């Protein structure tokens, strides 16, 4: 299992959420409420021109995350 950050994926790549970085406590509850729970698979659909925000598709909807929110996600590339 290779653990990477969301910014290391390219458009079209898929991944699975493994957990959250310990430094991201302020965002953890917000991300969980948005459906980003461990074990959830997603697909990267877009990056903004400057790299912020990032759009992913999961559970049938698209979700846009800022860099600081995306940075606390611990993911596995599928």
Protein backbone atom coordinates (compact mmCIF):
# COMPACT_ATOMS: atom_id res chain seq x y z
CA UNK A 1 0.00 0.00 0.00
CA UNK A 2 1.45 3.34 -1.11
CA UNK A 3 0.29 6.34 0.91
CA UNK A 4 0.32 9.65 -1.00
CA UNK A 5 -1.36 13.04 -0.89
CA UNK A 6 -4.19 14.14 -3.15
CA UNK A 7 -2.02 16.68 -4.99
CA UNK A 8 0.19 13.83 -6.26
CA UNK A 9 -2.68 12.41 -8.33
CA UNK A 10 -3.46 13.48 -11.89
CA UNK A 11 -6.84 14.12 -13.50
CA UNK A 12 -8.50 10.76 -14.12
CA UNK A 13 -6.65 8.94 -11.32
CA UNK A 14 -8.63 7.09 -8.67
CA UNK A 15 -7.85 6.73 -5.00
CA UNK A 16 -9.18 5.53 -1.69
CA UNK A 17 -9.23 7.50 1.55
CA UNK A 18 -7.18 5.74 4.21
CA UNK A 19 -7.44 8.33 6.99
CA UNK A 20 -6.48 11.84 8.05
CA UNK A 21 -3.19 13.50 8.90
CA UNK A 22 -2.95 14.36 12.58
CA UNK A 23 -2.21 18.03 11.81
CA UNK A 24 -5.61 18.49 10.16
CA UNK A 25 -7.84 18.30 13.22
CA UNK A 26 -9.76 21.54 12.41
CA UNK A 27 -10.87 20.17 9.02
CA UNK A 28 -11.48 16.55 10.01
CA UNK A 29 -15.12 16.95 11.09
CA UNK A 30 -15.95 19.01 8.00
CA UNK A 31 -14.45 16.40 5.67
CA UNK A 32 -16.26 13.57 7.44
CA UNK A 33 -19.56 15.47 7.11
CA UNK A 34 -18.93 15.81 3.35
CA UNK A 35 -18.66 12.02 3.00
CA UNK A 36 -14.87 11.70 3.00
CA UNK A 37 -14.72 8.71 5.31
CA UNK A 38 -11.97 6.07 5.38
CA UNK A 39 -12.54 3.44 2.70
CA UNK A 40 -14.32 5.82 0.30
CA UNK A 41 -13.11 5.63 -3.30
CA UNK A 42 -12.98 8.72 -5.51
CA UNK A 43 -11.80 9.97 -8.89
CA UNK A 44 -9.92 13.22 -9.55
CA UNK A 45 -11.94 15.16 -12.14
CA UNK A 46 -10.28 18.62 -12.25
CA UNK A 47 -7.57 20.87 -10.91
CA UNK A 48 -7.99 24.64 -11.10
CA UNK A 49 -5.32 26.41 -13.20
CA UNK A 50 -3.31 27.40 -10.11
CA UNK A 51 -3.91 24.00 -8.45
CA UNK A 52 -6.48 25.23 -5.95
CA UNK A 53 -9.21 23.97 -5.65
CA UNK A 54 -9.27 20.29 -6.59
CA UNK A 55 -12.48 18.60 -7.76
CA UNK A 56 -13.12 14.93 -7.00
CA UNK A 57 -16.09 12.70 -7.70
CA UNK A 58 -17.29 10.34 -5.00
CA UNK A 59 -20.56 8.71 -3.99
CA UNK A 60 -22.27 10.07 -7.11
CA UNK A 61 -21.47 13.76 -6.62
CA UNK A 62 -18.63 16.18 -7.27
CA UNK A 63 -16.80 17.80 -4.38
CA UNK A 64 -14.36 20.69 -4.52
CA UNK A 65 -11.59 20.88 -1.90
CA UNK A 66 -9.09 23.62 -1.14
CA UNK A 67 -5.40 22.68 -0.93
CA UNK A 68 -5.29 22.95 2.87
CA UNK A 69 -8.33 20.66 3.21
CA UNK A 70 -7.01 18.18 0.66
CA UNK A 71 -3.57 18.12 2.30
CA UNK A 72 -4.83 16.36 5.43
CA UNK A 73 -6.31 13.43 3.50
CA UNK A 74 -4.18 10.28 3.62
CA UNK A 75 -4.96 8.36 0.46
CA UNK A 76 -3.96 5.25 -1.46
CA UNK A 77 -3.76 5.36 -5.25
CA UNK A 78 -5.81 2.66 -6.94
